[in-house]
Amino acid sequence: MSISTADRDNYWRRTRSLMIFHLVIWFIFSFVVHWFASALNQVSVFDFPLGFYMAAQGSLIVFVVQLFAFVWQQDRIDRECGMAED
């Protein structure tokens, strides 16, 4: 089965957009949240300062959820564009 150039370009455009979106989320939870940790420490979650909580648990939870979301979204793109592996 041959895939047209337009379909291939659409596939890579969607894949690139998805990757950039997830990299932005990763950057925010890896760096931006921690840069503002002192300001976030004014709020408490389970008697822990929010900055500490985000550094110790929150970011890790976001990364795991993001991983599963990315795989699910990429699989959907693969199937819609005819690039899925069976």
N, C-alpha and C. Protein backbone atom coordinates (compact mmCIF):
# COMPACT_ATOMS: atom_id res chain seq x y z
N MET A 1 0.84 -1.17 0.00
CA MET A 1 0.00 0.00 0.00
C MET A 1 0.89 1.24 0.00
N SER A 2 0.62 2.11 -0.91
CA SER A 2 1.41 3.34 -1.03
C SER A 2 0.65 4.50 -0.39
N ILE A 3 1.37 5.30 0.36
CA ILE A 3 0.77 6.44 1.03
C ILE A 3 1.18 7.70 0.28
N SER A 4 0.21 8.55 0.01
CA SER A 4 0.49 9.76 -0.76
C SER A 4 1.33 10.74 0.05
N THR A 5 1.95 11.65 -0.66
CA THR A 5 2.78 12.67 -0.01
C THR A 5 1.94 13.56 0.89
N ALA A 6 0.73 13.88 0.47
CA ALA A 6 -0.15 14.73 1.29
C ALA A 6 -0.51 14.03 2.60
N ASP A 7 -0.79 12.72 2.53
CA ASP A 7 -1.10 11.96 3.75
C ASP A 7 0.11 11.89 4.68
N ARG A 8 1.26 11.70 4.09
CA ARG A 8 2.49 11.63 4.87
C ARG A 8 2.78 12.98 5.54
N ASP A 9 2.59 14.06 4.80
CA ASP A 9 2.80 15.41 5.36
C ASP A 9 1.81 15.70 6.48
N ASN A 10 0.56 15.29 6.30
CA ASN A 10 -0.46 15.47 7.34
C ASN A 10 -0.07 14.68 8.60
N TYR A 11 0.39 13.45 8.39
CA TYR A 11 0.81 12.60 9.52
C TYR A 11 1.94 13.26 10.30
N TRP A 12 2.97 13.72 9.61
CA TRP A 12 4.11 14.32 10.30
C TRP A 12 3.76 15.66 10.92
N ARG A 13 2.86 16.43 10.31
CA ARG A 13 2.42 17.70 10.89
C ARG A 13 1.70 17.44 12.21
N ARG A 14 0.79 16.47 12.20
CA ARG A 14 0.06 16.14 13.43
C ARG A 14 0.98 15.55 14.49
N THR A 15 1.90 14.69 14.09
CA THR A 15 2.84 14.10 15.03
C THR A 15 3.75 15.17 15.63
N ARG A 16 4.25 16.09 14.82
CA ARG A 16 5.10 17.17 15.30
C ARG A 16 4.35 18.08 16.27
N SER A 17 3.11 18.41 15.93
CA SER A 17 2.30 19.26 16.81
C SER A 17 2.07 18.58 18.16
N LEU A 18 1.77 17.30 18.14
CA LEU A 18 1.57 16.56 19.38
C LEU A 18 2.84 16.54 20.22
N MET A 19 3.97 16.29 19.58
CA MET A 19 5.24 16.25 20.29
C MET A 19 5.58 17.61 20.91
N ILE A 20 5.38 18.68 20.16
CA ILE A 20 5.66 20.02 20.69
C ILE A 20 4.75 20.33 21.86
N PHE A 21 3.48 19.99 21.75
CA PHE A 21 2.53 20.20 22.84
C PHE A 21 3.00 19.49 24.12
N HIS A 22 3.40 18.24 24.00
CA HIS A 22 3.85 17.49 25.17
C HIS A 22 5.20 17.97 25.69
N LEU A 23 6.06 18.44 24.83
CA LEU A 23 7.32 19.00 25.30
C LEU A 23 7.10 20.30 26.07
N VAL A 24 6.13 21.09 25.67
CA VAL A 24 5.80 22.31 26.41
C VAL A 24 5.28 21.96 27.80
N ILE A 25 4.39 20.98 27.89
CA ILE A 25 3.90 20.54 29.19
C ILE A 25 5.06 20.03 30.05
N TRP A 26 5.92 19.22 29.45
CA TRP A 26 7.08 18.69 30.18
C TRP A 26 7.95 19.84 30.69
N PHE A 27 8.22 20.84 29.85
CA PHE A 27 9.05 21.97 30.26
C PHE A 27 8.41 22.73 31.43
N ILE A 28 7.12 22.95 31.34
CA ILE A 28 6.43 23.68 32.41
C ILE A 28 6.56 22.94 33.73
N PHE A 29 6.32 21.64 33.75
CA PHE A 29 6.36 20.90 35.00
C PHE A 29 7.79 20.53 35.42
N SER A 30 8.75 20.60 34.52
CA SER A 30 10.14 20.33 34.88
C SER A 30 10.85 21.57 35.41
N PHE A 31 10.56 22.73 34.83
CA PHE A 31 11.31 23.93 35.16
C PHE A 31 10.47 25.05 35.73
N VAL A 32 9.41 25.42 35.06
CA VAL A 32 8.63 26.61 35.44
C VAL A 32 8.02 26.45 36.83
N VAL A 33 7.41 25.31 37.09
CA VAL A 33 6.80 25.09 38.40
C VAL A 33 7.86 25.20 39.51
N HIS A 34 9.03 24.66 39.25
CA HIS A 34 10.09 24.69 40.27
C HIS A 34 10.70 26.08 40.43
N TRP A 35 10.69 26.87 39.36
CA TRP A 35 11.18 28.25 39.48
C TRP A 35 10.30 29.06 40.43
N PHE A 36 9.02 28.73 40.44
CA PHE A 36 8.07 29.46 41.28
C PHE A 36 7.73 28.68 42.55
N ALA A 37 8.59 27.77 42.96
CA ALA A 37 8.31 26.94 44.14
C ALA A 37 8.15 27.78 45.39
N SER A 38 8.96 28.80 45.56
CA SER A 38 8.85 29.61 46.78
C SER A 38 7.50 30.31 46.85
N ALA A 39 7.00 30.79 45.72
CA ALA A 39 5.67 31.41 45.71
C ALA A 39 4.58 30.37 45.92
N LEU A 40 4.80 29.17 45.40
CA LEU A 40 3.81 28.10 45.56
C LEU A 40 3.78 27.58 46.99
N ASN A 41 4.84 27.79 47.75
CA ASN A 41 4.89 27.30 49.13
C ASN A 41 3.92 28.03 50.04
N GLN A 42 3.30 29.09 49.57
CA GLN A 42 2.30 29.80 50.37
C GLN A 42 1.00 29.00 50.48
N VAL A 43 0.82 28.04 49.58
CA VAL A 43 -0.38 27.20 49.57
C VAL A 43 0.02 25.82 50.09
N SER A 44 -0.82 25.20 50.91
CA SER A 44 -0.53 23.87 51.46
C SER A 44 -1.45 22.82 50.86
N VAL A 45 -0.89 21.63 50.61
CA VAL A 45 -1.64 20.47 50.16
C VAL A 45 -1.28 19.33 51.11
N PHE A 46 -2.25 18.82 51.81
CA PHE A 46 -2.01 17.76 52.80
C PHE A 46 -0.93 18.16 53.80
N ASP A 47 -0.97 19.39 54.23
CA ASP A 47 -0.02 19.97 55.18
C ASP A 47 1.42 20.05 54.65
N PHE A 48 1.60 19.92 53.36
CA PHE A 48 2.91 20.12 52.72
C PHE A 48 2.81 21.38 51.87
N PRO A 49 3.86 22.17 51.83
CA PRO A 49 3.85 23.33 50.93
C PRO A 49 3.68 22.87 49.48
N LEU A 50 2.88 23.59 48.70
CA LEU A 50 2.58 23.19 47.32
C LEU A 50 3.85 23.09 46.47
N GLY A 51 4.81 23.99 46.68
CA GLY A 51 6.07 23.92 45.92
C GLY A 51 6.80 22.61 46.19
N PHE A 52 6.85 22.19 47.45
CA PHE A 52 7.47 20.91 47.81
C PHE A 52 6.70 19.76 47.18
N TYR A 53 5.36 19.81 47.30
CA TYR A 53 4.53 18.74 46.77
C TYR A 53 4.71 18.59 45.26
N MET A 54 4.73 19.73 44.54
CA MET A 54 4.90 19.66 43.08
C MET A 54 6.27 19.12 42.71
N ALA A 55 7.29 19.46 43.48
CA ALA A 55 8.63 18.95 43.19
C ALA A 55 8.75 17.46 43.51
N ALA A 56 8.13 17.05 44.61
CA ALA A 56 8.29 15.67 45.06
C ALA A 56 7.32 14.70 44.40
N GLN A 57 6.08 15.12 44.19
CA GLN A 57 5.07 14.19 43.70
C GLN A 57 4.33 14.68 42.47
N GLY A 58 3.92 15.93 42.48
CA GLY A 58 3.05 16.44 41.42
C GLY A 58 3.63 16.32 40.04
N SER A 59 4.89 16.71 39.88
CA SER A 59 5.51 16.64 38.56
C SER A 59 5.62 15.20 38.08
N LEU A 60 5.96 14.29 38.97
CA LEU A 60 6.09 12.89 38.59
C LEU A 60 4.75 12.31 38.15
N ILE A 61 3.69 12.67 38.85
CA ILE A 61 2.36 12.21 38.47
C ILE A 61 1.99 12.74 37.09
N VAL A 62 2.27 14.02 36.86
CA VAL A 62 1.98 14.62 35.55
C VAL A 62 2.77 13.91 34.45
N PHE A 63 4.04 13.57 34.71
CA PHE A 63 4.86 12.91 33.69
C PHE A 63 4.30 11.53 33.33
N VAL A 64 3.86 10.77 34.33
CA VAL A 64 3.31 9.44 34.05
C VAL A 64 2.00 9.56 33.28
N VAL A 65 1.12 10.46 33.70
CA VAL A 65 -0.14 10.66 32.99
C VAL A 65 0.14 11.14 31.57
N GLN A 66 1.10 12.04 31.43
CA GLN A 66 1.45 12.57 30.12
C GLN A 66 1.97 11.46 29.21
N LEU A 67 2.75 10.55 29.74
CA LEU A 67 3.27 9.44 28.94
C LEU A 67 2.14 8.62 28.34
N PHE A 68 1.18 8.23 29.19
CA PHE A 68 0.06 7.43 28.70
C PHE A 68 -0.81 8.23 27.72
N ALA A 69 -1.01 9.51 27.99
CA ALA A 69 -1.80 10.35 27.09
C ALA A 69 -1.12 10.47 25.73
N PHE A 70 0.20 10.66 25.73
CA PHE A 70 0.94 10.78 24.47
C PHE A 70 0.82 9.50 23.64
N VAL A 71 1.00 8.36 24.28
CA VAL A 71 0.92 7.08 23.56
C VAL A 71 -0.47 6.89 22.96
N TRP A 72 -1.50 7.20 23.74
CA TRP A 72 -2.87 7.05 23.26
C TRP A 72 -3.14 7.99 22.09
N GLN A 73 -2.70 9.26 22.20
CA GLN A 73 -2.93 10.23 21.14
C GLN A 73 -2.13 9.88 19.88
N GLN A 74 -0.89 9.43 20.05
CA GLN A 74 -0.08 9.08 18.89
C GLN A 74 -0.64 7.84 18.20
N ASP A 75 -1.13 6.87 18.96
CA ASP A 75 -1.74 5.69 18.36
C ASP A 75 -2.97 6.08 17.55
N ARG A 76 -3.75 7.02 18.06
CA ARG A 76 -4.93 7.49 17.33
C ARG A 76 -4.52 8.16 16.02
N ILE A 77 -3.48 8.99 16.06
CA ILE A 77 -2.98 9.63 14.83
C ILE A 77 -2.49 8.57 13.85
N ASP A 78 -1.74 7.58 14.36
CA ASP A 78 -1.23 6.50 13.50
C ASP A 78 -2.37 5.77 12.79
N ARG A 79 -3.41 5.46 13.53
CA ARG A 79 -4.54 4.71 12.95
C ARG A 79 -5.32 5.57 11.95
N GLU A 80 -5.54 6.85 12.27
CA GLU A 80 -6.29 7.72 11.37
C GLU A 80 -5.53 7.98 10.06
N CYS A 81 -4.21 7.98 10.13
CA CYS A 81 -3.40 8.27 8.94
C CYS A 81 -2.92 7.01 8.23
N GLY A 82 -3.32 5.84 8.71
CA GLY A 82 -2.93 4.59 8.07
C GLY A 82 -1.48 4.20 8.32
N MET A 83 -0.90 4.64 9.41
CA MET A 83 0.50 4.33 9.71
C MET A 83 0.63 3.37 10.89
N ALA A 84 -0.49 2.85 11.39
CA ALA A 84 -0.46 2.00 12.58
C ALA A 84 0.22 0.67 12.29
N GLU A 85 0.92 0.19 13.29
CA GLU A 85 1.53 -1.14 13.20
C GLU A 85 0.55 -2.12 13.80
N ASP A 86 0.31 -3.20 13.12
CA ASP A 86 -0.65 -4.18 13.62
C ASP A 86 0.01 -5.23 14.47
